[in-house]
mmCIF file of all heavy atoms, coordinates in Angstrom:
data_MODEL
# 
_entry.id   MODEL 
# 
loop_
_atom_site.group_PDB 
_atom_site.id 
_atom_site.type_symbol 
_atom_site.label_atom_id 
_atom_site.label_alt_id 
_atom_site.label_comp_id 
_atom_site.label_asym_id 
_atom_site.label_entity_id 
_atom_site.label_seq_id 
_atom_site.pdbx_PDB_ins_code 
_atom_site.Cartn_x 
_atom_site.Cartn_y 
_atom_site.Cartn_z 
_atom_site.occupancy 
_atom_site.B_iso_or_equiv 
_atom_site.pdbx_formal_charge 
_atom_site.auth_seq_id 
_atom_site.auth_comp_id 
_atom_site.auth_asym_id 
_atom_site.auth_atom_id 
_atom_site.pdbx_PDB_model_num 
ATOM 1   N N   . ASN A 1 1  ? -24.773 -47.841 33.004 1.00 0.00 ? 1  ASN A N   1 
ATOM 2   C CA  . ASN A 1 1  ? -24.330 -46.999 34.113 1.00 0.00 ? 1  ASN A CA  1 
ATOM 3   C C   . ASN A 1 1  ? -22.969 -47.451 34.615 1.00 0.00 ? 1  ASN A C   1 
ATOM 4   O O   . ASN A 1 1  ? -22.657 -48.643 34.624 1.00 0.00 ? 1  ASN A O   1 
ATOM 5   C CB  . ASN A 1 1  ? -25.330 -47.053 35.264 1.00 0.00 ? 1  ASN A CB  1 
ATOM 6   C CG  . ASN A 1 1  ? -26.652 -46.408 34.911 1.00 0.00 ? 1  ASN A CG  1 
ATOM 7   O OD1 . ASN A 1 1  ? -26.714 -45.510 34.076 1.00 0.00 ? 1  ASN A OD1 1 
ATOM 8   N ND2 . ASN A 1 1  ? -27.718 -46.861 35.540 1.00 0.00 ? 1  ASN A ND2 1 
ATOM 9   N N   . GLY A 1 2  ? -22.169 -46.484 35.067 1.00 0.00 ? 2  GLY A N   1 
ATOM 10  C CA  . GLY A 1 2  ? -20.881 -46.796 35.668 1.00 0.00 ? 2  GLY A CA  1 
ATOM 11  C C   . GLY A 1 2  ? -21.063 -47.451 37.025 1.00 0.00 ? 2  GLY A C   1 
ATOM 12  O O   . GLY A 1 2  ? -22.166 -47.517 37.569 1.00 0.00 ? 2  GLY A O   1 
ATOM 13  N N   . ALA A 1 3  ? -19.961 -47.942 37.603 1.00 0.00 ? 3  ALA A N   1 
ATOM 14  C CA  . ALA A 1 3  ? -20.014 -48.648 38.886 1.00 0.00 ? 3  ALA A CA  1 
ATOM 15  C C   . ALA A 1 3  ? -18.850 -48.233 39.771 1.00 0.00 ? 3  ALA A C   1 
ATOM 16  O O   . ALA A 1 3  ? -17.783 -47.859 39.290 1.00 0.00 ? 3  ALA A O   1 
ATOM 17  C CB  . ALA A 1 3  ? -19.967 -50.153 38.650 1.00 0.00 ? 3  ALA A CB  1 
ATOM 18  N N   . GLY A 1 4  ? -19.077 -48.324 41.077 1.00 0.00 ? 4  GLY A N   1 
ATOM 19  C CA  . GLY A 1 4  ? -18.035 -48.005 42.047 1.00 0.00 ? 4  GLY A CA  1 
ATOM 20  C C   . GLY A 1 4  ? -17.120 -49.190 42.319 1.00 0.00 ? 4  GLY A C   1 
ATOM 21  O O   . GLY A 1 4  ? -17.524 -50.350 42.178 1.00 0.00 ? 4  GLY A O   1 
ATOM 22  N N   . THR A 1 5  ? -15.879 -48.889 42.698 1.00 0.00 ? 5  THR A N   1 
ATOM 23  C CA  . THR A 1 5  ? -14.881 -49.895 43.044 1.00 0.00 ? 5  THR A CA  1 
ATOM 24  C C   . THR A 1 5  ? -14.113 -49.409 44.269 1.00 0.00 ? 5  THR A C   1 
ATOM 25  O O   . THR A 1 5  ? -13.759 -48.237 44.349 1.00 0.00 ? 5  THR A O   1 
ATOM 26  C CB  . THR A 1 5  ? -13.880 -50.107 41.882 1.00 0.00 ? 5  THR A CB  1 
ATOM 27  O OG1 . THR A 1 5  ? -14.583 -50.516 40.722 1.00 0.00 ? 5  THR A OG1 1 
ATOM 28  C CG2 . THR A 1 5  ? -12.836 -51.140 42.224 1.00 0.00 ? 5  THR A CG2 1 
ATOM 29  N N   . ALA A 1 6  ? -13.855 -50.304 45.186 1.00 0.00 ? 6  ALA A N   1 
ATOM 30  C CA  . ALA A 1 6  ? -13.061 -49.940 46.364 1.00 0.00 ? 6  ALA A CA  1 
ATOM 31  C C   . ALA A 1 6  ? -11.675 -49.474 45.947 1.00 0.00 ? 6  ALA A C   1 
ATOM 32  O O   . ALA A 1 6  ? -11.125 -49.926 44.938 1.00 0.00 ? 6  ALA A O   1 
ATOM 33  C CB  . ALA A 1 6  ? -12.953 -51.142 47.302 1.00 0.00 ? 6  ALA A CB  1 
ATOM 34  N N   . TYR A 1 7  ? -11.105 -48.543 46.706 1.00 0.00 ? 7  TYR A N   1 
ATOM 35  C CA  . TYR A 1 7  ? -9.750  -48.068 46.427 1.00 0.00 ? 7  TYR A CA  1 
ATOM 36  C C   . TYR A 1 7  ? -8.780  -49.250 46.462 1.00 0.00 ? 7  TYR A C   1 
ATOM 37  O O   . TYR A 1 7  ? -8.762  -50.025 47.413 1.00 0.00 ? 7  TYR A O   1 
ATOM 38  C CB  . TYR A 1 7  ? -9.312  -47.042 47.462 1.00 0.00 ? 7  TYR A CB  1 
ATOM 39  C CG  . TYR A 1 7  ? -10.182 -45.800 47.514 1.00 0.00 ? 7  TYR A CG  1 
ATOM 40  C CD1 . TYR A 1 7  ? -10.555 -45.246 48.731 1.00 0.00 ? 7  TYR A CD1 1 
ATOM 41  C CD2 . TYR A 1 7  ? -10.615 -45.176 46.351 1.00 0.00 ? 7  TYR A CD2 1 
ATOM 42  C CE1 . TYR A 1 7  ? -11.337 -44.100 48.787 1.00 0.00 ? 7  TYR A CE1 1 
ATOM 43  C CE2 . TYR A 1 7  ? -11.398 -44.045 46.390 1.00 0.00 ? 7  TYR A CE2 1 
ATOM 44  C CZ  . TYR A 1 7  ? -11.760 -43.503 47.613 1.00 0.00 ? 7  TYR A CZ  1 
ATOM 45  O OH  . TYR A 1 7  ? -12.534 -42.371 47.661 1.00 0.00 ? 7  TYR A OH  1 
ATOM 46  N N   . ALA A 1 8  ? -8.007  -49.397 45.394 1.00 0.00 ? 8  ALA A N   1 
ATOM 47  C CA  . ALA A 1 8  ? -7.061  -50.514 45.302 1.00 0.00 ? 8  ALA A CA  1 
ATOM 48  C C   . ALA A 1 8  ? -6.092  -50.261 44.161 1.00 0.00 ? 8  ALA A C   1 
ATOM 49  O O   . ALA A 1 8  ? -6.316  -49.395 43.315 1.00 0.00 ? 8  ALA A O   1 
ATOM 50  C CB  . ALA A 1 8  ? -7.818  -51.820 45.048 1.00 0.00 ? 8  ALA A CB  1 
ATOM 51  N N   . ALA A 1 9  ? -5.045  -51.036 44.116 1.00 0.00 ? 9  ALA A N   1 
ATOM 52  C CA  . ALA A 1 9  ? -4.108  -51.003 42.995 1.00 0.00 ? 9  ALA A CA  1 
ATOM 53  C C   . ALA A 1 9  ? -4.683  -51.884 41.900 1.00 0.00 ? 9  ALA A C   1 
ATOM 54  O O   . ALA A 1 9  ? -4.374  -53.072 41.793 1.00 0.00 ? 9  ALA A O   1 
ATOM 55  C CB  . ALA A 1 9  ? -2.739  -51.496 43.432 1.00 0.00 ? 9  ALA A CB  1 
ATOM 56  N N   . SER A 1 10 ? -5.577  -51.300 41.099 1.00 0.00 ? 10 SER A N   1 
ATOM 57  C CA  . SER A 1 10 ? -6.261  -52.076 40.062 1.00 0.00 ? 10 SER A CA  1 
ATOM 58  C C   . SER A 1 10 ? -6.887  -51.142 39.037 1.00 0.00 ? 10 SER A C   1 
ATOM 59  O O   . SER A 1 10 ? -6.910  -49.924 39.215 1.00 0.00 ? 10 SER A O   1 
ATOM 60  C CB  . SER A 1 10 ? -7.359  -52.944 40.694 1.00 0.00 ? 10 SER A CB  1 
ATOM 61  O OG  . SER A 1 10 ? -8.360  -52.116 41.282 1.00 0.00 ? 10 SER A OG  1 
ATOM 62  N N   . VAL A 1 11 ? -7.412  -51.743 37.972 1.00 0.00 ? 11 VAL A N   1 
ATOM 63  C CA  . VAL A 1 11 ? -8.140  -51.009 36.936 1.00 0.00 ? 11 VAL A CA  1 
ATOM 64  C C   . VAL A 1 11 ? -9.495  -51.677 36.764 1.00 0.00 ? 11 VAL A C   1 
ATOM 65  O O   . VAL A 1 11 ? -9.588  -52.906 36.686 1.00 0.00 ? 11 VAL A O   1 
ATOM 66  C CB  . VAL A 1 11 ? -7.373  -51.038 35.597 1.00 0.00 ? 11 VAL A CB  1 
ATOM 67  C CG1 . VAL A 1 11 ? -8.180  -50.366 34.503 1.00 0.00 ? 11 VAL A CG1 1 
ATOM 68  C CG2 . VAL A 1 11 ? -6.011  -50.390 35.735 1.00 0.00 ? 11 VAL A CG2 1 
ATOM 69  N N   . THR A 1 12 ? -10.565 -50.866 36.693 1.00 0.00 ? 12 THR A N   1 
ATOM 70  C CA  . THR A 1 12 ? -11.918 -51.378 36.455 1.00 0.00 ? 12 THR A CA  1 
ATOM 71  C C   . THR A 1 12 ? -12.412 -50.806 35.134 1.00 0.00 ? 12 THR A C   1 
ATOM 72  O O   . THR A 1 12 ? -12.427 -49.582 34.946 1.00 0.00 ? 12 THR A O   1 
ATOM 73  C CB  . THR A 1 12 ? -12.880 -50.964 37.587 1.00 0.00 ? 12 THR A CB  1 
ATOM 74  O OG1 . THR A 1 12 ? -12.358 -51.432 38.832 1.00 0.00 ? 12 THR A OG1 1 
ATOM 75  C CG2 . THR A 1 12 ? -14.264 -51.538 37.359 1.00 0.00 ? 12 THR A CG2 1 
ATOM 76  N N   . ALA A 1 13 ? -12.806 -51.670 34.207 1.00 0.00 ? 13 ALA A N   1 
ATOM 77  C CA  . ALA A 1 13 ? -13.274 -51.229 32.890 1.00 0.00 ? 13 ALA A CA  1 
ATOM 78  C C   . ALA A 1 13 ? -14.535 -50.374 33.023 1.00 0.00 ? 13 ALA A C   1 
ATOM 79  O O   . ALA A 1 13 ? -15.386 -50.621 33.878 1.00 0.00 ? 13 ALA A O   1 
ATOM 80  C CB  . ALA A 1 13 ? -13.554 -52.433 32.005 1.00 0.00 ? 13 ALA A CB  1 
ATOM 81  N N   . GLY A 1 14 ? -14.649 -49.355 32.163 1.00 0.00 ? 14 GLY A N   1 
ATOM 82  C CA  . GLY A 1 14 ? -15.810 -48.477 32.159 1.00 0.00 ? 14 GLY A CA  1 
ATOM 83  C C   . GLY A 1 14 ? -17.051 -49.172 31.628 1.00 0.00 ? 14 GLY A C   1 
ATOM 84  O O   . GLY A 1 14 ? -16.999 -50.266 31.056 1.00 0.00 ? 14 GLY A O   1 
ATOM 85  N N   . ALA A 1 15 ? -18.191 -48.504 31.799 1.00 0.00 ? 15 ALA A N   1 
ATOM 86  C CA  . ALA A 1 15 ? -19.484 -49.056 31.377 1.00 0.00 ? 15 ALA A CA  1 
ATOM 87  C C   . ALA A 1 15 ? -19.571 -49.137 29.857 1.00 0.00 ? 15 ALA A C   1 
ATOM 88  O O   . ALA A 1 15 ? -19.034 -48.293 29.135 1.00 0.00 ? 15 ALA A O   1 
ATOM 89  C CB  . ALA A 1 15 ? -20.607 -48.184 31.929 1.00 0.00 ? 15 ALA A CB  1 
ATOM 90  N N   . ALA A 1 16 ? -20.261 -50.145 29.362 1.00 0.00 ? 16 ALA A N   1 
ATOM 91  C CA  . ALA A 1 16 ? -20.416 -50.369 27.923 1.00 0.00 ? 16 ALA A CA  1 
ATOM 92  C C   . ALA A 1 16 ? -21.300 -49.307 27.295 1.00 0.00 ? 16 ALA A C   1 
ATOM 93  O O   . ALA A 1 16 ? -22.218 -48.773 27.927 1.00 0.00 ? 16 ALA A O   1 
ATOM 94  C CB  . ALA A 1 16 ? -21.024 -51.750 27.679 1.00 0.00 ? 16 ALA A CB  1 
ATOM 95  N N   . GLY A 1 17 ? -21.020 -49.012 26.021 1.00 0.00 ? 17 GLY A N   1 
ATOM 96  C CA  . GLY A 1 17 ? -21.873 -48.112 25.253 1.00 0.00 ? 17 GLY A CA  1 
ATOM 97  C C   . GLY A 1 17 ? -23.135 -48.824 24.804 1.00 0.00 ? 17 GLY A C   1 
ATOM 98  O O   . GLY A 1 17 ? -23.215 -50.057 24.814 1.00 0.00 ? 17 GLY A O   1 
ATOM 99  N N   . GLY A 1 18 ? -24.137 -48.054 24.409 1.00 0.00 ? 18 GLY A N   1 
ATOM 100 C CA  . GLY A 1 18 ? -25.399 -48.618 23.935 1.00 0.00 ? 18 GLY A CA  1 
ATOM 101 C C   . GLY A 1 18 ? -25.244 -49.327 22.611 1.00 0.00 ? 18 GLY A C   1 
ATOM 102 O O   . GLY A 1 18 ? -24.317 -49.063 21.848 1.00 0.00 ? 18 GLY A O   1 
ATOM 103 N N   . THR A 1 19 ? -26.153 -50.250 22.323 1.00 0.00 ? 19 THR A N   1 
ATOM 104 C CA  . THR A 1 19 ? -26.121 -50.999 21.068 1.00 0.00 ? 19 THR A CA  1 
ATOM 105 C C   . THR A 1 19 ? -27.074 -50.379 20.051 1.00 0.00 ? 19 THR A C   1 
ATOM 106 O O   . THR A 1 19 ? -28.086 -49.777 20.411 1.00 0.00 ? 19 THR A O   1 
ATOM 107 C CB  . THR A 1 19 ? -26.493 -52.478 21.281 1.00 0.00 ? 19 THR A CB  1 
ATOM 108 O OG1 . THR A 1 19 ? -27.782 -52.543 21.890 1.00 0.00 ? 19 THR A OG1 1 
ATOM 109 C CG2 . THR A 1 19 ? -25.486 -53.171 22.178 1.00 0.00 ? 19 THR A CG2 1 
ATOM 110 N N   . ALA A 1 20 ? -26.741 -50.536 18.782 1.00 0.00 ? 20 ALA A N   1 
ATOM 111 C CA  . ALA A 1 20 ? -27.489 -49.929 17.688 1.00 0.00 ? 20 ALA A CA  1 
ATOM 112 C C   . ALA A 1 20 ? -27.994 -51.013 16.750 1.00 0.00 ? 20 ALA A C   1 
ATOM 113 O O   . ALA A 1 20 ? -27.219 -51.881 16.339 1.00 0.00 ? 20 ALA A O   1 
ATOM 114 C CB  . ALA A 1 20 ? -26.583 -48.961 16.933 1.00 0.00 ? 20 ALA A CB  1 
ATOM 115 N N   . THR A 1 21 ? -29.281 -50.963 16.396 1.00 0.00 ? 21 THR A N   1 
ATOM 116 C CA  . THR A 1 21 ? -29.847 -51.959 15.475 1.00 0.00 ? 21 THR A CA  1 
ATOM 117 C C   . THR A 1 21 ? -30.844 -51.309 14.523 1.00 0.00 ? 21 THR A C   1 
ATOM 118 O O   . THR A 1 21 ? -31.458 -50.296 14.836 1.00 0.00 ? 21 THR A O   1 
ATOM 119 C CB  . THR A 1 21 ? -30.582 -53.086 16.236 1.00 0.00 ? 21 THR A CB  1 
ATOM 120 O OG1 . THR A 1 21 ? -31.656 -52.529 16.999 1.00 0.00 ? 21 THR A OG1 1 
ATOM 121 C CG2 . THR A 1 21 ? -29.643 -53.852 17.160 1.00 0.00 ? 21 THR A CG2 1 
ATOM 122 N N   . GLY A 1 22 ? -30.992 -51.931 13.361 1.00 0.00 ? 22 GLY A N   1 
ATOM 123 C CA  . GLY A 1 22 ? -32.033 -51.547 12.417 1.00 0.00 ? 22 GLY A CA  1 
ATOM 124 C C   . GLY A 1 22 ? -31.657 -50.463 11.433 1.00 0.00 ? 22 GLY A C   1 
ATOM 125 O O   . GLY A 1 22 ? -32.489 -50.047 10.631 1.00 0.00 ? 22 GLY A O   1 
ATOM 126 N N   . GLY A 1 23 ? -30.426 -49.987 11.466 1.00 0.00 ? 23 GLY A N   1 
ATOM 127 C CA  . GLY A 1 23 ? -30.055 -48.891 10.589 1.00 0.00 ? 23 GLY A CA  1 
ATOM 128 C C   . GLY A 1 23 ? -29.220 -49.314 9.401  1.00 0.00 ? 23 GLY A C   1 
ATOM 129 O O   . GLY A 1 23 ? -28.767 -50.457 9.313  1.00 0.00 ? 23 GLY A O   1 
ATOM 130 N N   . ASP A 1 24 ? -29.010 -48.390 8.487  1.00 0.00 ? 24 ASP A N   1 
ATOM 131 C CA  . ASP A 1 24 ? -28.026 -48.570 7.425  1.00 0.00 ? 24 ASP A CA  1 
ATOM 132 C C   . ASP A 1 24 ? -26.637 -48.330 8.002  1.00 0.00 ? 24 ASP A C   1 
ATOM 133 O O   . ASP A 1 24 ? -25.653 -48.889 7.539  1.00 0.00 ? 24 ASP A O   1 
ATOM 134 C CB  . ASP A 1 24 ? -28.290 -47.595 6.280  1.00 0.00 ? 24 ASP A CB  1 
ATOM 135 C CG  . ASP A 1 24 ? -29.623 -47.876 5.599  1.00 0.00 ? 24 ASP A CG  1 
ATOM 136 O OD1 . ASP A 1 24 ? -29.921 -49.056 5.326  1.00 0.00 ? 24 ASP A OD1 1 
ATOM 137 O OD2 . ASP A 1 24 ? -30.374 -46.915 5.352  1.00 0.00 ? 24 ASP A OD2 1 
ATOM 138 N N   . VAL A 1 25 ? -26.569 -47.466 9.028  1.00 0.00 ? 25 VAL A N   1 
ATOM 139 C CA  . VAL A 1 25 ? -25.352 -47.218 9.792  1.00 0.00 ? 25 VAL A CA  1 
ATOM 140 C C   . VAL A 1 25 ? -25.694 -47.452 11.260 1.00 0.00 ? 25 VAL A C   1 
ATOM 141 O O   . VAL A 1 25 ? -26.618 -46.830 11.785 1.00 0.00 ? 25 VAL A O   1 
ATOM 142 C CB  . VAL A 1 25 ? -24.843 -45.770 9.587  1.00 0.00 ? 25 VAL A CB  1 
ATOM 143 C CG1 . VAL A 1 25 ? -23.623 -45.507 10.445 1.00 0.00 ? 25 VAL A CG1 1 
ATOM 144 C CG2 . VAL A 1 25 ? -24.561 -45.494 8.117  1.00 0.00 ? 25 VAL A CG2 1 
ATOM 145 N N   . ASN A 1 26 ? -24.982 -48.366 11.922 1.00 0.00 ? 26 ASN A N   1 
ATOM 146 C CA  . ASN A 1 26 ? -25.205 -48.682 13.335 1.00 0.00 ? 26 ASN A CA  1 
ATOM 147 C C   . ASN A 1 26 ? -23.899 -48.483 14.094 1.00 0.00 ? 26 ASN A C   1 
ATOM 148 O O   . ASN A 1 26 ? -22.931 -49.188 13.830 1.00 0.00 ? 26 ASN A O   1 
ATOM 149 C CB  . ASN A 1 26 ? -25.666 -50.142 13.497 1.00 0.00 ? 26 ASN A CB  1 
ATOM 150 C CG  . ASN A 1 26 ? -26.993 -50.415 12.829 1.00 0.00 ? 26 ASN A CG  1 
ATOM 151 O OD1 . ASN A 1 26 ? -27.988 -49.792 13.152 1.00 0.00 ? 26 ASN A OD1 1 
ATOM 152 N ND2 . ASN A 1 26 ? -27.002 -51.332 11.875 1.00 0.00 ? 26 ASN A ND2 1 
ATOM 153 N N   . ILE A 1 27 ? -23.893 -47.517 15.026 1.00 0.00 ? 27 ILE A N   1 
ATOM 154 C CA  . ILE A 1 27 ? -22.671 -47.187 15.751 1.00 0.00 ? 27 ILE A CA  1 
ATOM 155 C C   . ILE A 1 27 ? -22.889 -47.416 17.249 1.00 0.00 ? 27 ILE A C   1 
ATOM 156 O O   . ILE A 1 27 ? -23.749 -46.775 17.864 1.00 0.00 ? 27 ILE A O   1 
ATOM 157 C CB  . ILE A 1 27 ? -22.254 -45.723 15.516 1.00 0.00 ? 27 ILE A CB  1 
ATOM 158 C CG1 . ILE A 1 27 ? -22.106 -45.444 14.013 1.00 0.00 ? 27 ILE A CG1 1 
ATOM 159 C CG2 . ILE A 1 27 ? -20.958 -45.406 16.265 1.00 0.00 ? 27 ILE A CG2 1 
ATOM 160 C CD1 . ILE A 1 27 ? -21.941 -43.978 13.675 1.00 0.00 ? 27 ILE A CD1 1 
# 
């Protein structure tokens, strides 16, 4: 989930994507 940040002169990284396991292709 994303998160809130107070208004400021800054950058906040977005939420991480889900992890993939057990496949022949894992994205």
